[in-house]
Amino acid sequence: MSNELILSKGKKVFKIGNEKIYALNNVSITIRNKTFYAIMGHSGAGKSTLIQILGLLDSLSEGELYLNGEKIQDLSENEKARIRMEQVGFVFQSFHLNPKLKAIENVMLPI
């Protein structure tokens, strides 16, 4: 149970007018510490939405998210930021660097 990020029966629904769009529909995944993962699929499959949720940058519509056995989706934004800084990391497809900072300053930004 320790050193795991677990998404259980996760759903993410976007509402456009009266229509519901399921970006994630009943997705479960266990991410283990010190392991590399690749999330692949066709355009619109929900990859980015899944990464946003696992990285605590977005929230679930339904389901549960646990880190090391602790339910985390209902934590405050400050608590989620602390977890992102200390325990969860991923590489974005685009770099998300601050162009006004030097490379070393971008790397040091989370510190």
N, C-alpha and C. Protein backbone atom coordinates (compact mmCIF):
# COMPACT_ATOMS: atom_id res chain seq x y z
N MET A 1 0.82 -1.20 0.00
CA MET A 1 0.00 0.00 0.00
C MET A 1 0.86 1.25 0.00
N SER A 2 2.05 1.24 0.59
CA SER A 2 2.84 2.47 0.63
C SER A 2 3.52 2.72 -0.70
N ASN A 3 3.87 3.98 -0.95
CA ASN A 3 4.54 4.41 -2.17
C ASN A 3 3.72 4.10 -3.42
N GLU A 4 2.43 4.33 -3.33
CA GLU A 4 1.55 4.11 -4.48
C GLU A 4 0.57 5.28 -4.62
N LEU A 5 0.28 5.60 -5.86
CA LEU A 5 -0.78 6.55 -6.18
C LEU A 5 -1.86 5.72 -6.85
N ILE A 6 -3.04 5.69 -6.24
CA ILE A 6 -4.12 4.83 -6.73
C ILE A 6 -5.33 5.67 -7.12
N LEU A 7 -5.77 5.48 -8.34
CA LEU A 7 -7.02 6.05 -8.82
C LEU A 7 -8.02 4.91 -8.90
N SER A 8 -9.13 5.05 -8.21
CA SER A 8 -10.13 3.99 -8.18
C SER A 8 -11.45 4.48 -8.74
N LYS A 9 -11.88 3.86 -9.83
CA LYS A 9 -13.17 4.14 -10.47
C LYS A 9 -13.34 5.62 -10.77
N GLY A 10 -12.29 6.21 -11.33
CA GLY A 10 -12.29 7.64 -11.60
C GLY A 10 -13.12 8.03 -12.81
N LYS A 11 -13.88 9.08 -12.63
CA LYS A 11 -14.65 9.66 -13.73
C LYS A 11 -14.39 11.16 -13.76
N LYS A 12 -14.29 11.68 -14.98
CA LYS A 12 -14.21 13.11 -15.18
C LYS A 12 -15.21 13.45 -16.28
N VAL A 13 -16.19 14.27 -15.91
CA VAL A 13 -17.27 14.61 -16.83
C VAL A 13 -17.24 16.11 -17.08
N PHE A 14 -17.29 16.47 -18.35
CA PHE A 14 -17.42 17.87 -18.74
C PHE A 14 -18.81 18.06 -19.30
N LYS A 15 -19.46 19.14 -18.90
CA LYS A 15 -20.80 19.43 -19.39
C LYS A 15 -20.72 20.55 -20.42
N ILE A 16 -21.26 20.27 -21.59
CA ILE A 16 -21.35 21.27 -22.65
C ILE A 16 -22.83 21.38 -23.00
N GLY A 17 -23.43 22.44 -22.52
CA GLY A 17 -24.89 22.59 -22.65
C GLY A 17 -25.57 21.49 -21.85
N ASN A 18 -26.42 20.74 -22.49
CA ASN A 18 -27.09 19.62 -21.83
C ASN A 18 -26.35 18.30 -22.01
N GLU A 19 -25.25 18.33 -22.76
CA GLU A 19 -24.50 17.10 -23.07
C GLU A 19 -23.38 16.87 -22.06
N LYS A 20 -23.20 15.61 -21.66
CA LYS A 20 -22.11 15.22 -20.78
C LYS A 20 -21.04 14.51 -21.61
N ILE A 21 -19.81 14.98 -21.48
CA ILE A 21 -18.68 14.38 -22.16
C ILE A 21 -17.81 13.70 -21.11
N TYR A 22 -17.63 12.38 -21.25
CA TYR A 22 -16.82 11.62 -20.30
C TYR A 22 -15.38 11.58 -20.80
N ALA A 23 -14.50 12.36 -20.17
CA ALA A 23 -13.08 12.30 -20.50
C ALA A 23 -12.47 11.05 -19.89
N LEU A 24 -12.93 10.69 -18.70
CA LEU A 24 -12.57 9.43 -18.03
C LEU A 24 -13.85 8.79 -17.56
N ASN A 25 -13.96 7.49 -17.75
CA ASN A 25 -15.17 6.80 -17.34
C ASN A 25 -14.81 5.48 -16.66
N ASN A 26 -14.80 5.51 -15.33
CA ASN A 26 -14.54 4.31 -14.52
C ASN A 26 -13.11 3.79 -14.70
N VAL A 27 -12.14 4.71 -14.61
CA VAL A 27 -10.73 4.36 -14.79
C VAL A 27 -10.10 4.05 -13.43
N SER A 28 -9.38 2.93 -13.38
CA SER A 28 -8.62 2.57 -12.19
C SER A 28 -7.19 2.29 -12.60
N ILE A 29 -6.24 2.81 -11.83
CA ILE A 29 -4.82 2.60 -12.11
C ILE A 29 -4.03 2.72 -10.81
N THR A 30 -2.98 1.94 -10.70
CA THR A 30 -2.05 2.04 -9.58
C THR A 30 -0.69 2.43 -10.13
N ILE A 31 -0.15 3.54 -9.62
CA ILE A 31 1.16 4.03 -10.01
C ILE A 31 2.09 3.76 -8.83
N ARG A 32 3.12 2.97 -9.08
CA ARG A 32 4.07 2.61 -8.01
C ARG A 32 5.31 3.49 -8.07
N ASN A 33 5.88 3.72 -6.90
CA ASN A 33 7.08 4.52 -6.73
C ASN A 33 8.25 3.94 -7.53
N LYS A 34 9.09 4.82 -8.05
CA LYS A 34 10.31 4.46 -8.77
C LYS A 34 10.04 3.60 -10.00
N THR A 35 8.92 3.85 -10.65
CA THR A 35 8.54 3.13 -11.86
C THR A 35 8.16 4.15 -12.92
N PHE A 36 8.56 3.92 -14.15
CA PHE A 36 8.22 4.80 -15.26
C PHE A 36 6.97 4.27 -15.95
N TYR A 37 6.10 5.19 -16.34
CA TYR A 37 4.86 4.83 -17.03
C TYR A 37 4.72 5.68 -18.28
N ALA A 38 4.13 5.12 -19.30
CA ALA A 38 3.76 5.87 -20.50
C ALA A 38 2.26 5.69 -20.68
N ILE A 39 1.57 6.79 -20.86
CA ILE A 39 0.14 6.74 -21.09
C ILE A 39 -0.08 7.06 -22.56
N MET A 40 -0.62 6.09 -23.28
CA MET A 40 -0.75 6.22 -24.72
C MET A 40 -2.19 6.01 -25.14
N GLY A 41 -2.56 6.62 -26.24
CA GLY A 41 -3.90 6.44 -26.78
C GLY A 41 -4.17 7.47 -27.86
N HIS A 42 -5.27 7.30 -28.53
CA HIS A 42 -5.62 8.20 -29.62
C HIS A 42 -6.05 9.56 -29.08
N SER A 43 -6.09 10.53 -29.94
CA SER A 43 -6.50 11.88 -29.58
C SER A 43 -7.91 11.85 -28.99
N GLY A 44 -8.08 12.50 -27.86
CA GLY A 44 -9.38 12.56 -27.22
C GLY A 44 -9.68 11.39 -26.30
N ALA A 45 -8.69 10.52 -26.06
CA ALA A 45 -8.92 9.33 -25.24
C ALA A 45 -8.93 9.64 -23.74
N GLY A 46 -8.47 10.82 -23.33
CA GLY A 46 -8.47 11.19 -21.92
C GLY A 46 -7.10 11.14 -21.27
N LYS A 47 -6.04 11.02 -22.07
CA LYS A 47 -4.69 10.93 -21.52
C LYS A 47 -4.32 12.17 -20.70
N SER A 48 -4.52 13.33 -21.28
CA SER A 48 -4.16 14.57 -20.59
C SER A 48 -5.00 14.76 -19.33
N THR A 49 -6.26 14.43 -19.41
CA THR A 49 -7.14 14.53 -18.24
C THR A 49 -6.66 13.61 -17.14
N LEU A 50 -6.28 12.39 -17.50
CA LEU A 50 -5.77 11.44 -16.51
C LEU A 50 -4.51 11.97 -15.84
N ILE A 51 -3.58 12.50 -16.63
CA ILE A 51 -2.34 13.04 -16.08
C ILE A 51 -2.63 14.23 -15.15
N GLN A 52 -3.55 15.09 -15.56
CA GLN A 52 -3.91 16.25 -14.74
C GLN A 52 -4.46 15.80 -13.38
N ILE A 53 -5.25 14.75 -13.37
CA ILE A 53 -5.82 14.24 -12.13
C ILE A 53 -4.76 13.55 -11.28
N LEU A 54 -3.95 12.70 -11.90
CA LEU A 54 -2.90 12.01 -11.15
C LEU A 54 -1.87 12.99 -10.60
N GLY A 55 -1.66 14.10 -11.31
CA GLY A 55 -0.72 15.12 -10.86
C GLY A 55 -1.33 16.15 -9.93
N LEU A 56 -2.57 15.93 -9.52
CA LEU A 56 -3.29 16.81 -8.59
C LEU A 56 -3.48 18.22 -9.15
N LEU A 57 -3.56 18.32 -10.47
CA LEU A 57 -3.80 19.61 -11.12
C LEU A 57 -5.26 19.79 -11.50
N ASP A 58 -6.04 18.73 -11.43
CA ASP A 58 -7.47 18.77 -11.73
C ASP A 58 -8.15 17.81 -10.77
N SER A 59 -9.46 17.88 -10.69
CA SER A 59 -10.20 17.03 -9.74
C SER A 59 -11.12 16.06 -10.48
N LEU A 60 -11.48 15.02 -9.79
CA LEU A 60 -12.39 14.01 -10.31
C LEU A 60 -13.84 14.49 -10.21
N SER A 61 -14.67 14.00 -11.10
CA SER A 61 -16.11 14.18 -10.95
C SER A 61 -16.65 13.11 -10.01
N GLU A 62 -16.08 11.90 -10.13
CA GLU A 62 -16.43 10.78 -9.25
C GLU A 62 -15.19 9.91 -9.10
N GLY A 63 -15.18 9.09 -8.07
CA GLY A 63 -14.08 8.17 -7.84
C GLY A 63 -13.22 8.62 -6.68
N GLU A 64 -12.13 7.89 -6.46
CA GLU A 64 -11.26 8.19 -5.33
C GLU A 64 -9.80 8.15 -5.76
N LEU A 65 -9.01 9.01 -5.12
CA LEU A 65 -7.58 9.09 -5.39
C LEU A 65 -6.84 8.99 -4.07
N TYR A 66 -5.90 8.06 -4.01
CA TYR A 66 -5.15 7.80 -2.78
C TYR A 66 -3.66 7.91 -3.05
N LEU A 67 -2.93 8.46 -2.10
CA LEU A 67 -1.48 8.46 -2.13
C LEU A 67 -1.00 7.83 -0.84
N ASN A 68 -0.29 6.71 -0.97
CA ASN A 68 0.22 5.99 0.19
C ASN A 68 -0.89 5.68 1.20
N GLY A 69 -2.04 5.30 0.69
CA GLY A 69 -3.16 4.91 1.53
C GLY A 69 -4.02 6.05 2.05
N GLU A 70 -3.63 7.30 1.78
CA GLU A 70 -4.39 8.46 2.25
C GLU A 70 -5.22 9.04 1.11
N LYS A 71 -6.51 9.24 1.36
CA LYS A 71 -7.38 9.85 0.36
C LYS A 71 -6.95 11.30 0.18
N ILE A 72 -6.66 11.69 -1.07
CA ILE A 72 -6.07 13.02 -1.27
C ILE A 72 -6.87 13.98 -2.13
N GLN A 73 -7.91 13.53 -2.80
CA GLN A 73 -8.57 14.46 -3.72
C GLN A 73 -9.30 15.59 -3.00
N ASP A 74 -9.60 15.44 -1.72
CA ASP A 74 -10.33 16.48 -1.00
C ASP A 74 -9.41 17.41 -0.20
N LEU A 75 -8.10 17.28 -0.37
CA LEU A 75 -7.17 18.15 0.35
C LEU A 75 -7.24 19.58 -0.18
N SER A 76 -6.75 20.52 0.61
CA SER A 76 -6.71 21.92 0.18
C SER A 76 -5.69 22.08 -0.95
N GLU A 77 -5.78 23.19 -1.66
CA GLU A 77 -4.84 23.46 -2.75
C GLU A 77 -3.41 23.54 -2.23
N ASN A 78 -3.21 24.10 -1.03
CA ASN A 78 -1.86 24.17 -0.45
C ASN A 78 -1.32 22.78 -0.14
N GLU A 79 -2.17 21.91 0.38
CA GLU A 79 -1.74 20.53 0.68
C GLU A 79 -1.41 19.77 -0.61
N LYS A 80 -2.21 19.98 -1.64
CA LYS A 80 -1.93 19.34 -2.94
C LYS A 80 -0.62 19.87 -3.52
N ALA A 81 -0.37 21.16 -3.40
CA ALA A 81 0.87 21.75 -3.91
C ALA A 81 2.07 21.15 -3.19
N ARG A 82 1.96 20.95 -1.89
CA ARG A 82 3.05 20.34 -1.12
C ARG A 82 3.32 18.93 -1.61
N ILE A 83 2.26 18.16 -1.85
CA ILE A 83 2.42 16.79 -2.35
C ILE A 83 3.06 16.80 -3.73
N ARG A 84 2.63 17.69 -4.62
CA ARG A 84 3.23 17.78 -5.95
C ARG A 84 4.71 18.09 -5.85
N MET A 85 5.07 18.98 -4.94
CA MET A 85 6.45 19.39 -4.80
C MET A 85 7.32 18.27 -4.22
N GLU A 86 6.77 17.49 -3.30
CA GLU A 86 7.57 16.52 -2.56
C GLU A 86 7.44 15.08 -3.05
N GLN A 87 6.30 14.71 -3.68
CA GLN A 87 6.06 13.29 -3.90
C GLN A 87 5.63 12.89 -5.31
N VAL A 88 5.07 13.81 -6.08
CA VAL A 88 4.54 13.44 -7.40
C VAL A 88 5.29 14.22 -8.46
N GLY A 89 5.79 13.53 -9.47
CA GLY A 89 6.48 14.21 -10.54
C GLY A 89 6.14 13.59 -11.88
N PHE A 90 6.10 14.42 -12.91
CA PHE A 90 5.91 13.91 -14.25
C PHE A 90 6.47 14.91 -15.24
N VAL A 91 6.72 14.46 -16.44
CA VAL A 91 7.29 15.30 -17.48
C VAL A 91 6.17 15.69 -18.44
N PHE A 92 5.95 16.99 -18.61
CA PHE A 92 4.93 17.48 -19.52
C PHE A 92 5.37 17.29 -20.96
N GLN A 93 4.43 17.13 -21.85
CA GLN A 93 4.73 17.03 -23.28
C GLN A 93 5.34 18.34 -23.78
N SER A 94 4.76 19.45 -23.37
CA SER A 94 5.39 20.74 -23.64
C SER A 94 6.10 21.16 -22.35
N PHE A 95 7.08 22.00 -22.46
CA PHE A 95 8.01 22.18 -21.36
C PHE A 95 7.48 22.99 -20.18
N HIS A 96 6.54 23.88 -20.37
CA HIS A 96 5.99 24.70 -19.29
C HIS A 96 7.08 25.43 -18.51
N LEU A 97 8.07 25.94 -19.21
CA LEU A 97 9.13 26.69 -18.57
C LEU A 97 8.78 28.18 -18.59
N ASN A 98 9.30 28.89 -17.62
CA ASN A 98 9.15 30.33 -17.60
C ASN A 98 10.23 30.92 -18.50
N PRO A 99 9.87 31.52 -19.62
CA PRO A 99 10.87 31.99 -20.58
C PRO A 99 11.72 33.15 -20.05
N LYS A 100 11.27 33.80 -18.98
CA LYS A 100 12.03 34.92 -18.42
C LYS A 100 13.10 34.47 -17.43
N LEU A 101 13.10 33.17 -17.10
CA LEU A 101 14.08 32.64 -16.16
C LEU A 101 15.16 31.85 -16.89
N LYS A 102 16.34 31.78 -16.29
CA LYS A 102 17.40 30.92 -16.81
C LYS A 102 17.01 29.47 -16.55
N ALA A 103 17.66 28.54 -17.25
CA ALA A 103 17.35 27.11 -17.09
C ALA A 103 17.46 26.69 -15.63
N ILE A 104 18.53 27.06 -14.96
CA ILE A 104 18.73 26.67 -13.56
C ILE A 104 17.64 27.26 -12.66
N GLU A 105 17.19 28.46 -12.97
CA GLU A 105 16.12 29.09 -12.19
C GLU A 105 14.80 28.34 -12.38
N ASN A 106 14.53 27.86 -13.60
CA ASN A 106 13.34 27.04 -13.85
C ASN A 106 13.39 25.75 -13.05
N VAL A 107 14.56 25.13 -13.01
CA VAL A 107 14.72 23.87 -12.27
C VAL A 107 14.55 24.11 -10.77
N MET A 108 15.03 25.24 -10.29
CA MET A 108 14.98 25.54 -8.86
C MET A 108 13.62 26.08 -8.42
N LEU A 109 12.77 26.42 -9.34
CA LEU A 109 11.48 27.04 -9.02
C LEU A 109 10.67 26.28 -7.96
N PRO A 110 10.55 24.95 -8.02
CA PRO A 110 9.77 24.26 -6.99
C PRO A 110 10.37 24.35 -5.59
N ILE A 111 11.66 24.57 -5.52
CA ILE A 111 12.32 24.63 -4.21
C ILE A 111 11.88 25.88 -3.49
